[in-house]
Protein backbone atom coordinates (compact mmCIF):
# COMPACT_ATOMS: atom_id res chain seq x y z
CA UNK A 1 -24.78 -28.23 -19.91
CA UNK A 2 -21.63 -29.04 -20.83
CA UNK A 3 -20.97 -28.55 -24.16
CA UNK A 4 -17.46 -27.40 -26.91
CA UNK A 5 -17.11 -24.74 -29.49
CA UNK A 6 -14.76 -24.25 -32.14
CA UNK A 7 -15.44 -27.92 -33.36
CA UNK A 8 -13.28 -28.64 -36.81
CA UNK A 9 -11.28 -24.76 -36.59
CA UNK A 10 -7.99 -25.92 -37.13
CA UNK A 11 -4.97 -24.63 -35.08
CA UNK A 12 -2.05 -24.93 -37.60
CA UNK A 13 1.63 -25.11 -37.27
CA UNK A 14 4.28 -21.90 -36.09
CA UNK A 15 4.41 -20.44 -39.46
CA UNK A 16 8.14 -19.80 -39.32
CA UNK A 17 9.48 -15.93 -39.08
CA UNK A 18 12.16 -14.92 -41.32
CA UNK A 19 15.93 -14.15 -40.27
CA UNK A 20 14.71 -10.18 -41.28
CA UNK A 21 11.94 -10.58 -38.74
CA UNK A 22 8.57 -9.09 -39.52
CA UNK A 23 4.83 -9.82 -38.46
CA UNK A 24 3.97 -13.33 -38.12
CA UNK A 25 0.69 -14.75 -39.63
CA UNK A 26 -1.37 -17.83 -39.32
CA UNK A 27 -0.19 -20.71 -41.88
CA UNK A 28 -3.50 -21.96 -43.41
CA UNK A 29 -1.61 -24.70 -45.13
CA UNK A 30 0.08 -26.17 -41.96
CA UNK A 31 -0.43 -30.39 -42.47
CA UNK A 32 -0.89 -30.94 -38.30
CA UNK A 33 -4.16 -29.20 -37.01
CA UNK A 34 -5.93 -29.87 -33.56
CA UNK A 35 -9.59 -28.21 -32.46
CA UNK A 36 -10.13 -25.62 -29.69
CA UNK A 37 -13.15 -26.83 -27.45
CA UNK A 38 -14.76 -24.68 -24.90
CA UNK A 39 -16.43 -27.24 -21.98
CA UNK A 40 -17.54 -26.06 -18.81
CA UNK A 41 -15.49 -25.04 -15.63
CA UNK A 42 -16.21 -27.61 -12.82
CA UNK A 43 -14.40 -25.89 -10.17
CA UNK A 44 -17.01 -23.14 -10.92
CA UNK A 45 -19.94 -22.83 -8.78
CA UNK A 46 -22.81 -20.05 -8.95
CA UNK A 47 -25.72 -18.28 -10.74
CA UNK A 48 -23.69 -18.54 -14.47
CA UNK A 49 -21.55 -21.31 -16.44
CA UNK A 50 -17.67 -20.31 -16.79
CA UNK A 51 -16.42 -21.60 -19.95
CA UNK A 52 -12.38 -23.46 -19.52
CA UNK A 53 -10.56 -23.60 -23.05
CA UNK A 54 -8.39 -26.50 -24.16
CA UNK A 55 -7.11 -28.11 -26.77
CA UNK A 56 -8.26 -31.78 -28.28
CA UNK A 57 -5.53 -33.03 -28.77
CA UNK A 58 -4.19 -36.27 -30.34
CA UNK A 59 -2.49 -38.87 -28.62
CA UNK A 60 1.40 -37.60 -27.81
CA UNK A 61 0.45 -34.76 -29.26
CA UNK A 62 2.05 -31.48 -27.80
CA UNK A 63 -0.11 -28.59 -27.05
CA UNK A 64 1.02 -25.53 -29.46
CA UNK A 65 3.14 -22.36 -29.04
CA UNK A 66 1.14 -20.09 -27.05
CA UNK A 67 2.46 -17.03 -28.65
CA UNK A 68 1.99 -18.40 -32.58
CA UNK A 69 0.38 -16.45 -34.70
CA UNK A 70 -1.93 -19.27 -35.75
CA UNK A 71 -2.64 -20.40 -32.01
CA UNK A 72 -3.52 -16.73 -31.09
CA UNK A 73 -5.84 -16.47 -34.51
CA UNK A 74 -7.61 -20.05 -34.00
CA UNK A 75 -8.32 -19.44 -29.78
CA UNK A 76 -9.78 -15.75 -31.11
CA UNK A 77 -12.20 -17.62 -34.39
CA UNK A 78 -13.14 -20.16 -31.27
CA UNK A 79 -14.07 -17.52 -28.95
CA UNK A 80 -16.17 -15.42 -31.72
CA UNK A 81 -17.86 -18.79 -32.41
CA UNK A 82 -18.73 -19.01 -28.63
CA UNK A 83 -20.04 -15.48 -28.67
CA UNK A 84 -22.41 -15.96 -32.13
CA UNK A 85 -24.01 -19.12 -30.14
CA UNK A 86 -26.58 -17.26 -28.70
CA UNK A 87 -27.75 -13.76 -27.55
CA UNK A 88 -25.64 -13.24 -24.37
CA UNK A 89 -26.91 -11.22 -21.49
CA UNK A 90 -26.66 -9.69 -18.30
CA UNK A 91 -28.69 -12.50 -16.27
CA UNK A 92 -26.74 -14.77 -18.66
CA UNK A 93 -23.16 -13.57 -20.17
CA UNK A 94 -20.49 -15.36 -21.43
CA UNK A 95 -17.76 -16.11 -18.86
CA UNK A 96 -14.66 -17.49 -20.36
CA UNK A 97 -11.59 -17.73 -18.14
CA UNK A 98 -8.57 -17.20 -20.00
CA UNK A 99 -9.38 -16.89 -23.68
CA UNK A 100 -6.12 -16.72 -25.58
CA UNK A 101 -3.90 -18.60 -22.69
CA UNK A 102 -1.90 -15.29 -21.81
CA UNK A 103 -3.37 -14.01 -18.22
CA UNK A 104 -3.51 -16.89 -16.27
CA UNK A 105 -6.35 -16.16 -14.60
CA UNK A 106 -8.45 -13.30 -16.25
CA UNK A 107 -11.93 -14.00 -16.81
CA UNK A 108 -13.67 -12.93 -20.00
CA UNK A 109 -17.19 -11.44 -19.41
CA UNK A 110 -19.71 -10.52 -22.82
CA UNK A 111 -23.33 -9.87 -23.03
CA UNK A 112 -25.52 -7.79 -25.03
CA UNK A 113 -27.90 -4.80 -23.35
CA UNK A 114 -30.03 -2.58 -24.86
CA UNK A 115 -28.25 0.38 -22.77
CA UNK A 116 -24.61 1.15 -22.23
CA UNK A 117 -23.54 0.58 -18.49
CA UNK A 118 -20.40 -0.40 -16.07
CA UNK A 119 -19.81 -3.79 -14.62
CA UNK A 120 -18.26 -3.58 -10.98
CA UNK A 121 -17.02 -6.41 -9.54
CA UNK A 122 -15.89 -7.78 -6.25
CA UNK A 123 -13.58 -10.33 -5.77
CA UNK A 124 -13.12 -12.03 -2.15
CA UNK A 125 -10.90 -14.68 -0.99
CA UNK A 126 -10.17 -16.14 2.26
CA UNK A 127 -7.19 -14.16 4.29
CA UNK A 128 -7.12 -11.35 1.69
CA UNK A 129 -8.34 -7.96 1.32
CA UNK A 130 -11.52 -7.56 -0.99
CA UNK A 131 -10.72 -6.46 -4.43
CA UNK A 132 -13.33 -3.79 -5.80
CA UNK A 133 -12.82 -2.47 -9.24
CA UNK A 134 -15.01 -1.23 -11.66
CA UNK A 135 -14.56 -3.12 -15.33
CA UNK A 136 -12.88 -1.23 -18.44
CA UNK A 137 -16.04 -2.33 -20.96
CA UNK A 138 -14.88 -2.48 -24.00
CA UNK A 139 -18.24 -3.64 -25.72
CA UNK A 140 -18.76 -1.61 -29.20
CA UNK A 141 -22.14 0.66 -28.18
CA UNK A 142 -24.08 -0.96 -25.49
CA UNK A 143 -23.86 -4.30 -23.33
CA UNK A 144 -20.17 -5.40 -22.31
CA UNK A 145 -16.91 -6.84 -23.18
CA UNK A 146 -14.26 -7.22 -20.82
CA UNK A 147 -11.73 -9.35 -18.95
CA UNK A 148 -12.14 -9.17 -14.99
CA UNK A 149 -8.84 -9.43 -13.49
CA UNK A 150 -9.36 -10.33 -9.53
CA UNK A 151 -8.87 -14.15 -9.26
CA UNK A 152 -6.29 -15.15 -7.42
CA UNK A 153 -4.37 -18.01 -8.91
CA UNK A 154 -5.18 -21.52 -7.48
CA UNK A 155 -7.36 -20.08 -4.86
CA UNK A 156 -11.42 -20.12 -4.40
CA UNK A 157 -12.31 -16.70 -4.94
CA UNK A 158 -15.61 -15.49 -5.04
CA UNK A 159 -16.46 -13.38 -7.60
CA UNK A 160 -19.80 -10.63 -7.16
CA UNK A 161 -20.16 -8.94 -10.53
CA UNK A 162 -22.77 -6.07 -10.70
CA UNK A 163 -24.59 -4.69 -13.84
CA UNK A 164 -25.74 -1.26 -13.82
CA UNK A 165 -27.02 0.07 -17.03
CA UNK A 166 -27.08 3.93 -17.38
CA UNK A 167 -30.59 3.68 -17.40
CA UNK A 168 -31.09 2.74 -13.82
CA UNK A 169 -31.78 -1.04 -14.96
CA UNK A 170 -29.47 -3.32 -12.71
CA UNK A 171 -28.43 -7.13 -12.54
CA UNK A 172 -26.34 -9.34 -10.41
CA UNK A 173 -25.09 -12.63 -9.48
CA UNK A 174 -22.21 -14.26 -7.80
CA UNK A 175 -19.43 -16.58 -8.43
CA UNK A 176 -17.01 -19.16 -6.47
CA UNK A 177 -13.97 -19.76 -8.46
CA UNK A 178 -11.01 -21.62 -8.07
CA UNK A 179 -8.30 -20.53 -10.88
CA UNK A 180 -5.48 -22.59 -12.31
CA UNK A 181 -2.55 -22.47 -9.79
CA UNK A 182 0.14 -20.45 -11.46
CA UNK A 183 1.64 -21.80 -14.13
CA UNK A 184 5.33 -21.22 -12.99
CA UNK A 185 4.56 -22.60 -9.26
CA UNK A 186 5.22 -18.92 -8.35
CA UNK A 187 3.58 -18.28 -4.49
CA UNK A 188 0.75 -15.68 -4.73
CA UNK A 189 1.56 -13.77 -1.46
CA UNK A 190 4.34 -11.49 -0.92
CA UNK A 191 5.11 -10.40 2.76
CA UNK A 192 4.23 -6.48 2.79
CA UNK A 193 5.00 -4.09 5.24
CA UNK A 194 2.78 -1.35 4.52
CA UNK A 195 2.96 1.93 6.20
CA UNK A 196 0.04 4.15 4.52
CA UNK A 197 -2.56 1.73 2.23
CA UNK A 198 -4.47 4.84 2.02
CA UNK A 199 -1.39 6.89 0.19
CA UNK A 200 -0.53 3.53 -2.58
CA UNK A 201 -1.45 4.39 -5.75
CA UNK A 202 -4.06 2.56 -7.49
CA UNK A 203 -3.13 -0.13 -9.86
CA UNK A 204 -1.09 -3.84 -10.00
CA UNK A 205 2.45 -4.36 -9.67
CA UNK A 206 4.79 -6.06 -12.43
CA UNK A 207 6.94 -8.00 -10.72
CA UNK A 208 8.89 -9.45 -14.13
CA UNK A 209 12.66 -11.62 -14.52
CA UNK A 210 12.66 -13.57 -11.36
CA UNK A 211 14.83 -16.19 -11.29
CA UNK A 212 14.39 -19.97 -10.82
CA UNK A 213 10.75 -20.64 -11.76
CA UNK A 214 10.49 -19.52 -15.35
CA UNK A 215 9.69 -16.51 -17.04
CA UNK A 216 6.50 -15.35 -16.42
CA UNK A 217 5.80 -11.84 -15.42
CA UNK A 218 3.12 -11.68 -11.87
CA UNK A 219 0.81 -8.59 -11.56
CA UNK A 220 0.26 -7.96 -7.27
CA UNK A 221 -2.16 -5.60 -5.63
CA UNK A 222 -1.55 -3.04 -2.97
CA UNK A 223 -1.95 -5.68 -0.19
CA UNK A 224 0.22 -8.26 -2.46
CA UNK A 225 -2.09 -10.43 -3.74
CA UNK A 226 -0.91 -11.87 -6.86
CA UNK A 227 -4.20 -10.97 -9.80
CA UNK A 228 -2.54 -12.43 -12.72
CA UNK A 229 0.50 -14.07 -13.74
CA UNK A 230 0.75 -13.03 -17.35
CA UNK A 231 2.40 -15.87 -19.69
CA UNK A 232 6.32 -15.62 -20.84
CA UNK A 233 8.18 -16.93 -24.25
CA UNK A 234 11.62 -18.29 -23.36
CA UNK A 235 12.82 -15.37 -21.98
CA UNK A 236 11.50 -12.72 -19.40
CA UNK A 237 9.52 -10.14 -20.63
CA UNK A 238 11.79 -7.07 -20.14
CA UNK A 239 8.86 -4.41 -19.67
CA UNK A 240 5.21 -3.92 -19.92
CA UNK A 241 4.29 -0.69 -22.03
CA UNK A 242 0.46 -0.02 -21.31
CA UNK A 243 -0.65 2.55 -23.35
CA UNK A 244 -3.24 3.18 -26.24
CA UNK A 245 -5.97 0.26 -25.20
CA UNK A 246 -2.78 -1.97 -25.66
CA UNK A 247 0.03 -3.85 -23.90
CA UNK A 248 3.55 -3.96 -25.63
CA UNK A 249 5.90 -6.48 -24.62
CA UNK A 250 8.46 -9.20 -25.41
CA UNK A 251 6.98 -12.60 -25.77
CA UNK A 252 9.99 -14.53 -26.69
CA UNK A 253 13.55 -14.23 -26.89
CA UNK A 254 13.60 -12.96 -30.67
CA UNK A 255 9.88 -11.76 -30.83
CA UNK A 256 8.10 -8.85 -29.91
CA UNK A 257 4.06 -8.52 -28.87
CA UNK A 258 0.72 -6.53 -28.26
CA UNK A 259 -1.72 -7.57 -26.49
CA UNK A 260 -5.35 -6.16 -26.28
CA UNK A 261 -7.22 -6.03 -23.19
CA UNK A 262 -8.84 -9.29 -23.79
CA UNK A 263 -5.63 -10.97 -23.80
CA UNK A 264 -5.34 -11.64 -27.33
CA UNK A 265 -1.88 -11.32 -28.66
CA UNK A 266 -2.80 -10.21 -32.15
CA UNK A 267 0.02 -8.74 -33.41
CA UNK A 268 3.41 -10.76 -33.23
CA UNK A 269 6.46 -9.19 -34.76
CA UNK A 270 9.23 -11.36 -35.28
CA UNK A 271 12.77 -10.30 -34.73
CA UNK A 272 14.46 -12.49 -37.19
CA UNK A 273 17.99 -12.49 -36.15
CA UNK A 274 17.80 -10.50 -33.03
CA UNK A 275 17.79 -11.94 -29.49
CA UNK A 276 16.01 -9.25 -27.06
CA UNK A 277 17.37 -8.22 -23.77
CA UNK A 278 16.97 -5.59 -20.58
CA UNK A 279 14.39 -2.94 -21.84
CA UNK A 280 11.86 -1.58 -24.29
CA UNK A 281 10.53 1.95 -25.16
CA UNK A 282 7.45 3.10 -27.01
CA UNK A 283 7.30 6.30 -29.49
CA UNK A 284 3.67 6.63 -31.19
CA UNK A 285 3.55 3.17 -33.27
CA UNK A 286 7.10 2.30 -32.66
CA UNK A 287 8.79 -0.06 -30.26
CA UNK A 288 12.79 0.86 -29.74
CA UNK A 289 14.10 -2.86 -28.30
CA UNK A 290 17.57 -3.54 -27.03
CA UNK A 291 19.41 -6.50 -28.47
CA UNK A 292 21.87 -8.61 -29.17
CA UNK A 293 23.08 -9.29 -32.64
CA UNK A 294 22.81 -12.98 -33.60
CA UNK A 295 25.35 -13.26 -36.06
CA UNK A 296 28.02 -11.30 -34.42
CA UNK A 297 30.59 -12.31 -31.76
CA UNK A 298 29.20 -9.06 -29.77
CA UNK A 299 26.27 -9.46 -28.01
CA UNK A 300 24.33 -6.38 -25.72
CA UNK A 301 25.53 -3.56 -27.76
CA UNK A 302 22.39 -2.54 -30.62
CA UNK A 303 18.81 -1.14 -30.59
CA UNK A 304 16.16 -2.34 -33.20
CA UNK A 305 13.21 -0.23 -34.52
CA UNK A 306 10.20 -1.99 -34.94
CA UNK A 307 7.09 -0.58 -36.53
CA UNK A 308 4.07 -1.80 -34.29
CA UNK A 309 1.73 -1.00 -37.97
CA UNK A 310 4.15 -3.09 -40.55
CA UNK A 311 6.03 -5.36 -38.34
CA UNK A 312 8.65 -3.75 -40.14
CA UNK A 313 12.16 -4.52 -37.78
CA UNK A 314 15.03 -2.33 -38.96
CA UNK A 315 18.30 -1.95 -36.61
CA UNK A 316 18.95 1.34 -35.93
CA UNK A 317 22.23 1.44 -33.35
CA UNK A 318 25.42 -0.77 -33.40
CA UNK A 319 27.19 1.12 -30.54
CA UNK A 320 30.48 -0.80 -31.67
CA UNK A 321 30.47 1.54 -34.79
CA UNK A 322 29.86 4.85 -32.27
CA UNK A 323 32.43 3.65 -30.16
CA UNK A 324 34.85 1.49 -32.27
CA UNK A 325 38.18 2.28 -30.57
CA UNK A 326 36.46 1.67 -26.76
CA UNK A 327 35.18 -1.43 -28.30
CA UNK A 328 39.00 -2.64 -29.20
CA UNK A 329 40.60 -1.53 -25.66
CA UNK A 330 37.47 -4.33 -23.92
CA UNK A 331 38.35 -7.94 -23.78
CA UNK A 332 35.63 -10.98 -23.57
CA UNK A 333 33.99 -11.89 -19.88
CA UNK A 334 34.03 -15.48 -18.37
CA UNK A 335 30.66 -16.98 -19.37
CA UNK A 336 27.06 -16.12 -20.07
CA UNK A 337 26.32 -12.47 -20.73
CA UNK A 338 23.40 -11.43 -18.19
CA UNK A 339 20.18 -10.95 -19.89
CA UNK A 340 20.86 -12.26 -23.16
CA UNK A 341 20.14 -16.04 -24.80
CA UNK A 342 23.07 -14.82 -27.09
CA UNK A 343 26.83 -15.54 -26.29
CA UNK A 344 29.23 -13.22 -27.20
CA UNK A 345 31.95 -10.17 -26.28
CA UNK A 346 29.48 -8.22 -23.86
CA UNK A 347 31.78 -5.43 -23.81
CA UNK A 348 29.24 -2.06 -22.72
CA UNK A 349 26.35 -4.10 -21.86
CA UNK A 350 23.43 -1.59 -22.64
CA UNK A 351 20.35 -2.35 -19.92
CA UNK A 352 18.14 0.45 -20.28
CA UNK A 353 16.97 2.56 -23.27
CA UNK A 354 14.83 6.48 -22.84
CA UNK A 355 13.69 8.30 -25.65
CA UNK A 356 12.34 12.15 -25.13
CA UNK A 357 12.38 14.85 -28.06
CA UNK A 358 13.91 13.00 -30.47
CA UNK A 359 16.93 11.69 -28.06
CA UNK A 360 17.98 8.17 -27.25
CA UNK A 361 19.55 8.16 -23.76
CA UNK A 362 20.87 4.31 -23.24
CA UNK A 363 22.68 2.99 -19.91
CA UNK A 364 25.62 1.09 -20.34
CA UNK A 365 26.33 -0.81 -17.34
CA UNK A 366 29.53 -2.30 -18.07
CA UNK A 367 31.17 1.11 -18.35
CA UNK A 368 29.20 2.68 -15.72
CA UNK A 369 28.16 5.34 -18.40
CA UNK A 370 25.00 6.91 -19.68
CA UNK A 371 25.04 8.07 -23.10
CA UNK A 372 22.90 10.08 -24.79
CA UNK A 373 22.57 9.76 -28.64
CA UNK A 374 21.11 11.85 -31.55
CA UNK A 375 20.04 10.78 -34.94
CA UNK A 376 19.43 7.37 -33.67
CA UNK A 377 15.48 6.53 -34.26
CA UNK A 378 15.40 6.13 -38.36
CA UNK A 379 17.36 3.36 -40.00
CA UNK A 380 19.83 4.62 -42.56
CA UNK A 381 20.55 7.80 -40.00
CA UNK A 382 23.88 7.88 -38.75
CA UNK A 383 23.98 8.32 -34.74
CA UNK A 384 26.00 10.35 -32.93
CA UNK A 385 27.13 11.27 -29.35
CA UNK A 386 25.42 14.08 -27.63
CA UNK A 387 27.03 13.85 -24.14
CA UNK A 388 28.13 11.16 -21.68
CA UNK A 389 28.11 11.40 -17.82
CA UNK A 390 30.36 8.72 -16.54
CA UNK A 391 34.20 8.12 -15.65
CA UNK A 392 35.97 10.11 -17.94
CA UNK A 393 39.05 8.16 -17.42
CA UNK A 394 37.68 4.62 -18.74
CA UNK A 395 37.50 6.23 -21.82
CA UNK A 396 40.96 7.75 -22.23
CA UNK A 397 42.40 6.97 -25.96
CA UNK A 398 39.04 6.52 -27.41
CA UNK A 399 38.24 9.74 -29.02
CA UNK A 400 34.99 10.51 -26.69
CA UNK A 401 36.48 12.48 -24.07
CA UNK A 402 35.68 15.64 -24.44
CA UNK A 403 31.96 14.58 -24.71
CA UNK A 404 31.71 14.59 -21.11
CA UNK A 405 29.83 16.85 -19.04
CA UNK A 406 31.27 18.43 -16.36
CA UNK A 407 30.22 17.75 -13.06
CA UNK A 408 29.69 21.21 -10.76
CA UNK A 409 29.62 20.12 -6.76
CA UNK A 410 30.09 16.64 -5.27
CA UNK A 411 28.44 14.32 -6.80
CA UNK A 412 27.68 10.34 -5.88
CA UNK A 413 28.42 9.24 -9.45
CA UNK A 414 27.14 6.61 -11.00
CA UNK A 415 28.30 3.14 -10.79
CA UNK A 416 26.55 0.22 -12.61
CA UNK A 417 22.93 2.26 -13.51
CA UNK A 418 20.40 0.61 -14.28
CA UNK A 419 16.61 2.35 -15.77
CA UNK A 420 18.02 5.90 -16.69
CA UNK A 421 14.98 8.08 -17.64
CA UNK A 422 15.31 11.67 -18.77
CA UNK A 423 12.65 13.43 -16.54
CA UNK A 424 11.23 16.62 -17.71
CA UNK A 425 9.95 19.59 -15.65
CA UNK A 426 8.13 23.36 -16.92
CA UNK A 427 9.27 24.94 -14.05
CA UNK A 428 13.31 24.24 -15.51
CA UNK A 429 14.76 26.66 -17.93
CA UNK A 430 15.30 25.35 -21.85
CA UNK A 431 17.79 22.71 -22.27
CA UNK A 432 17.40 21.55 -18.61
CA UNK A 433 16.20 18.75 -17.50
CA UNK A 434 16.07 15.87 -15.00
CA UNK A 435 18.29 12.58 -15.25
CA UNK A 436 17.02 9.86 -12.60
CA UNK A 437 18.39 6.13 -12.52
CA UNK A 438 18.75 3.16 -9.90
CA UNK A 439 22.13 3.55 -8.98
CA UNK A 440 23.42 0.22 -8.43
CA UNK A 441 26.60 2.24 -6.77
CA UNK A 442 28.91 -1.44 -7.68
CA UNK A 443 32.41 -1.01 -9.38
CA UNK A 444 33.88 -3.44 -11.39
CA UNK A 445 34.09 -3.96 -14.93
CA UNK A 446 34.36 -7.51 -16.35
CA UNK A 447 35.81 -6.90 -19.29
CA UNK A 448 38.99 -4.44 -18.38
CA UNK A 449 41.90 -5.07 -16.51
CA UNK A 450 41.71 -3.78 -12.86
CA UNK A 451 44.59 -1.54 -13.34
CA UNK A 452 42.42 0.35 -16.13
CA UNK A 453 39.62 0.71 -13.46
CA UNK A 454 40.05 0.33 -10.05
CA UNK A 455 41.48 3.65 -9.40
CA UNK A 456 38.41 5.20 -11.40
CA UNK A 457 36.23 4.51 -8.91
CA UNK A 458 32.84 7.12 -8.13
CA UNK A 459 33.10 8.02 -4.83
CA UNK A 460 31.92 5.92 -2.13
CA UNK A 461 31.36 2.82 -4.30
CA UNK A 462 31.46 -0.50 -3.46
CA UNK A 463 33.03 -3.29 -4.82
CA UNK A 464 31.69 -5.96 -3.38
CA UNK A 465 28.76 -7.52 -5.00
CA UNK A 466 27.05 -8.63 -1.30
CA UNK A 467 27.46 -5.39 0.67
CA UNK A 468 26.67 -1.78 -0.22
CA UNK A 469 24.07 1.02 -0.41
CA UNK A 470 22.46 1.53 -3.46
CA UNK A 471 20.43 4.72 -4.48
CA UNK A 472 17.54 6.29 -6.17
CA UNK A 473 19.76 9.10 -7.98
CA UNK A 474 18.48 11.95 -10.12
CA UNK A 475 21.31 14.61 -11.44
CA UNK A 476 19.88 17.79 -13.18
CA UNK A 477 21.81 17.76 -16.55
CA UNK A 478 22.35 21.46 -18.49
CA UNK A 479 23.07 20.80 -21.93
CA UNK A 480 23.61 24.79 -22.42
CA UNK A 481 26.26 24.74 -19.95
CA UNK A 482 27.61 21.27 -20.54
CA UNK A 483 27.54 20.14 -16.72
CA UNK A 484 25.46 18.40 -14.84
CA UNK A 485 24.70 18.40 -10.74
CA UNK A 486 23.74 16.41 -7.71
CA UNK A 487 19.72 17.05 -6.99
CA UNK A 488 18.68 13.64 -5.34
CA UNK A 489 20.46 10.60 -3.81
CA UNK A 490 17.99 8.32 -1.82
CA UNK A 491 19.63 5.20 0.02
CA UNK A 492 17.50 2.03 -0.73
CA UNK A 493 18.37 -2.03 -0.40
CA UNK A 494 21.79 -2.58 -2.12
CA UNK A 495 21.62 -4.64 -5.61
CA UNK A 496 24.82 -5.01 -7.19
CA UNK A 497 22.78 -5.95 -10.30
CA UNK A 498 19.69 -5.54 -11.97
CA UNK A 499 17.19 -3.36 -10.28
CA UNK A 500 15.06 -0.39 -11.24
CA UNK A 501 13.10 2.67 -10.03
CA UNK A 502 10.19 4.22 -11.70
CA UNK A 503 7.94 7.29 -11.58
CA UNK A 504 4.39 6.74 -11.41
CA UNK A 505 1.50 8.98 -12.65
CA UNK A 506 2.80 12.01 -14.89
CA UNK A 507 6.35 10.71 -14.29
CA UNK A 508 7.46 13.81 -13.15
CA UNK A 509 9.25 14.25 -9.73
CA UNK A 510 6.45 15.46 -7.66
CA UNK A 511 5.24 11.85 -8.23
CA UNK A 512 5.66 8.37 -6.12
CA UNK A 513 8.11 5.78 -7.08
CA UNK A 514 8.31 2.15 -7.55
CA UNK A 515 12.10 0.52 -6.68
CA UNK A 516 13.45 -2.56 -6.79
CA UNK A 517 16.25 -3.91 -5.19
CA UNK A 518 16.33 -6.94 -7.18
CA UNK A 519 19.36 -8.40 -5.74
CA UNK A 520 17.67 -7.93 -1.92
CA UNK A 521 14.54 -9.54 -3.27
CA UNK A 522 12.49 -6.30 -2.34
CA UNK A 523 10.78 -3.84 -3.93
CA UNK A 524 8.30 -0.81 -2.60
CA UNK A 525 6.72 1.95 -3.04
CA UNK A 526 7.47 5.51 -2.19
CA UNK A 527 6.39 9.15 -1.69
CA UNK A 528 7.86 11.77 -4.60
CA UNK A 529 10.61 12.46 -1.85
CA UNK A 530 11.38 8.89 -1.13
CA UNK A 531 9.52 8.46 2.17
CA UNK A 532 8.54 4.33 2.17
CA UNK A 533 4.51 3.74 1.84
CA UNK A 534 5.06 0.24 1.49
CA UNK A 535 7.65 -2.54 0.89
CA UNK A 536 7.21 -5.98 -0.16
CA UNK A 537 10.03 -8.81 -0.23
CA UNK A 538 9.57 -11.83 -2.91
CA UNK A 539 11.32 -15.28 -3.50
CA UNK A 540 13.64 -15.86 -6.39
CA UNK A 541 16.84 -18.40 -6.61
CA UNK A 542 18.91 -15.06 -7.34
CA UNK A 543 17.18 -11.89 -7.96
CA UNK A 544 14.32 -9.92 -9.32
CA UNK A 545 14.81 -8.31 -12.79
CA UNK A 546 12.25 -5.25 -12.20
CA UNK A 547 9.19 -4.08 -11.08
CA UNK A 548 6.78 -1.37 -12.94
CA UNK A 549 3.12 -0.82 -11.90
CA UNK A 550 0.33 0.57 -13.69
CA UNK A 551 -3.33 1.48 -12.95
CA UNK A 552 -4.38 -0.46 -16.25
CA UNK A 553 -7.25 2.17 -16.48
CA UNK A 554 -9.26 1.88 -19.51
CA UNK A 555 -7.24 -0.94 -19.87
CA UNK A 556 -9.00 -3.19 -17.27
CA UNK A 557 -9.89 -0.90 -14.96
CA UNK A 558 -12.30 1.79 -15.59
CA UNK A 559 -10.94 5.03 -15.65
CA UNK A 560 -11.64 7.28 -12.76
């Protein structure tokens, strides 16, 4: 029987965020209001009713922004109202397709039960492999509450749901659902060449920053089939960090969002005058985000600190204050600075951030330099350079020449590198660690005259945007000796810009890796030593920015 829920729940206009940034709250005094409705999904057939969320819009009224505190609060209230309509059971569960609007095809499941238990899910669709998982259970005590991931956008998918109570009771049902097509129009299958399916780690690949069709992030399974499309804001998400029962990511060019396992963006933090780009890192309850300050004539040279509990936003790094003499040597680039919606002088172009043991490590693409900073995590502190790795000749006359680590033996050298990460190893002496990166191996500076840089290229670096070889490059750093040496260099498809390497599991050097060559439109999962396990090709107008992978254990899927 068709019906509605949430009648009379007001969805109010977006609460404006101040230029200083901070937590965004619903605005109860907004004049414009609309109603969140629940109706039976006509594209679902089977043993139970599936509900769809919509807005009761007046003629000419536009749907509200999704990543708006008021929108998310109203959708949450509507879901709670639907839950309270009656006692939902394992034989008559509440099923809502994407209640918070953030996953596209995630199916919310809720029911009460005298016992705890597990919900096993098998998703079947033509021309694809079955997708079988046990859903993570977020109910307090007995029963079930969680988001089932498995539906393929735009495809008819059969879901077999089986509830197995801890005491031995069992109930099951089957649904056939056609989930909405991708909001972006992006295709739901990748060209996959899988050498060893059994060697692939469990989880979903997160492909983001694909040019040409909007800013959403696409989650693909190991066979290359899309299982969810995470909604984006006015810029692509730069990094998904899944930890401690939450997903931390950018949800707009000036907004950070924290999503719970049900897809609810309950925490939305405005970043004020700072515009995000490229990367973020989460340490305990704080996110460190690469930004551009819209009030400055410079871009891509700041780091802010965002307290996820309080919503406080503070700048902790302004690289011009650390490198004033180098900034004077650089001139403005022609055209738009890649990765930032703010225009300005992109003199250093920071593209990744890593924080380990209180040390901030930044990758500065424009100068092909890796920079380690001390005292850079708290507002009001004075960051200082711990060390640098790169082409020292570029920095002559800046006062930072003596801070470069010395190369031991022959090294390829990093050129235009991305995603620099420190990797510790208990077998290494104190003061030593690995530094791993995607070495684009592309040598070009748009902010210096050619005479200043063209003769100082790292060994074998390419100067052609289309023709070259990139690497998974790993250094062994010895801070005690003030040196580094090349520990590993694995050739990968060339990408002059963008791209990433990301270790799975514990993140150590003995773990498999995901490698994305963004300009080649290709990513792969590889063994710890770099041997191919599977390769995936995707479409884009120019490139795909980064690819991560997560098990989503304890978040969407039950921990093994």
